[in-house]
Amino acid sequence: MHSPSISNQNSPKGQNSQVGQKTIVKGRIWTQILDLKDKCIKETVRIAKLIKWFLSLVGTVLENMLPSKKWSHEIFSFTKKEDNPDLFEAPVEKKHTLTLGGMPAFCTAKDDTQYISMLEPYETFFIREGVLKNTLPVPTPDFVKVPPVTIEEAVKNVRDELQKGNVYLHCKAGYGRSAVVAVCYMMSVLKNDTDTDGKSKYRVNGKKMDSTNVDFNRVYDTEKLYKAAYEYVKGKRPQIYTKDRHEEAKEWFRTYENEVKDW
């Protein structure tokens, strides 16, 4: 006589139960394999991204060691009257400066400077805690298109913080992401700040930039405004690289044109 346990195992019901258990185990193993595959792909992409970023950083550092290059440049400045600490004295004039440059790696934070960073979190490990605490981050991926909404956030930060004091605008090298923001900010400045002769009071190589008879509702005038702003920023920081970013600035202006007020 067979024992009940052996009889149950040999029964069709017992055999189906064993097959079902094996199927579940195989399914779990296959799921784990697929999860491991996805993790390996993501890690490979992350490492490749870091290698590309690091090589780009090394190239930038080496390039800026040339006598003709600088890590940062003063792009724009204005003077603003501020209250004098001595109540019996006249207001004092203070210079507010926008500087465009590479990331402030290993630098000590300046008390009179607000940093605006286009870096992603993984790019900040060379930056000291003091600088990070005084930074307004606008995380933006490198080597890809910067959307208008991101440019708008950065431009507004530049505008607001410049009213308070000095601003240091940067990405990794100060060539691409932050450069397009600087160009867009200057587009807003040039749109509103002109002399009575119809020419901008800001100069490129000593010459006023012509903005006469600009109709800002037309595409070709956006082209003209962009060209003037781009030439202005490039005149200040010659190594900016925005070859693939021209349309980003124009798209930002067309999207937020009605919000580009007198800054």
Foldseek 3Di string as FASTA:
>chain_A
DDDPVVVCCPDPVNVVVVVVVVVVVVVVVVVVVVVVVVVVVVVVVVVVLVVVVVVVLVVLVVVQVDPVHHQKFWQDKDWDWDCDPPNVDGTDIDIETEMFGADPFPDADDPQEAEEEQDDPVPCPRPDPNNVVRYDYLHDDPPDADALVSLVVSLVVCVVVSVVHYYYYYYHGRAEDSLLSQLLNVLLQQVAAPDPVQWHPQDQPPDTHHLHPQDLVDLVSLVSSSVSSNSSRCSGHVRHDCPVPSVNSSVSCVVCVVVSDND
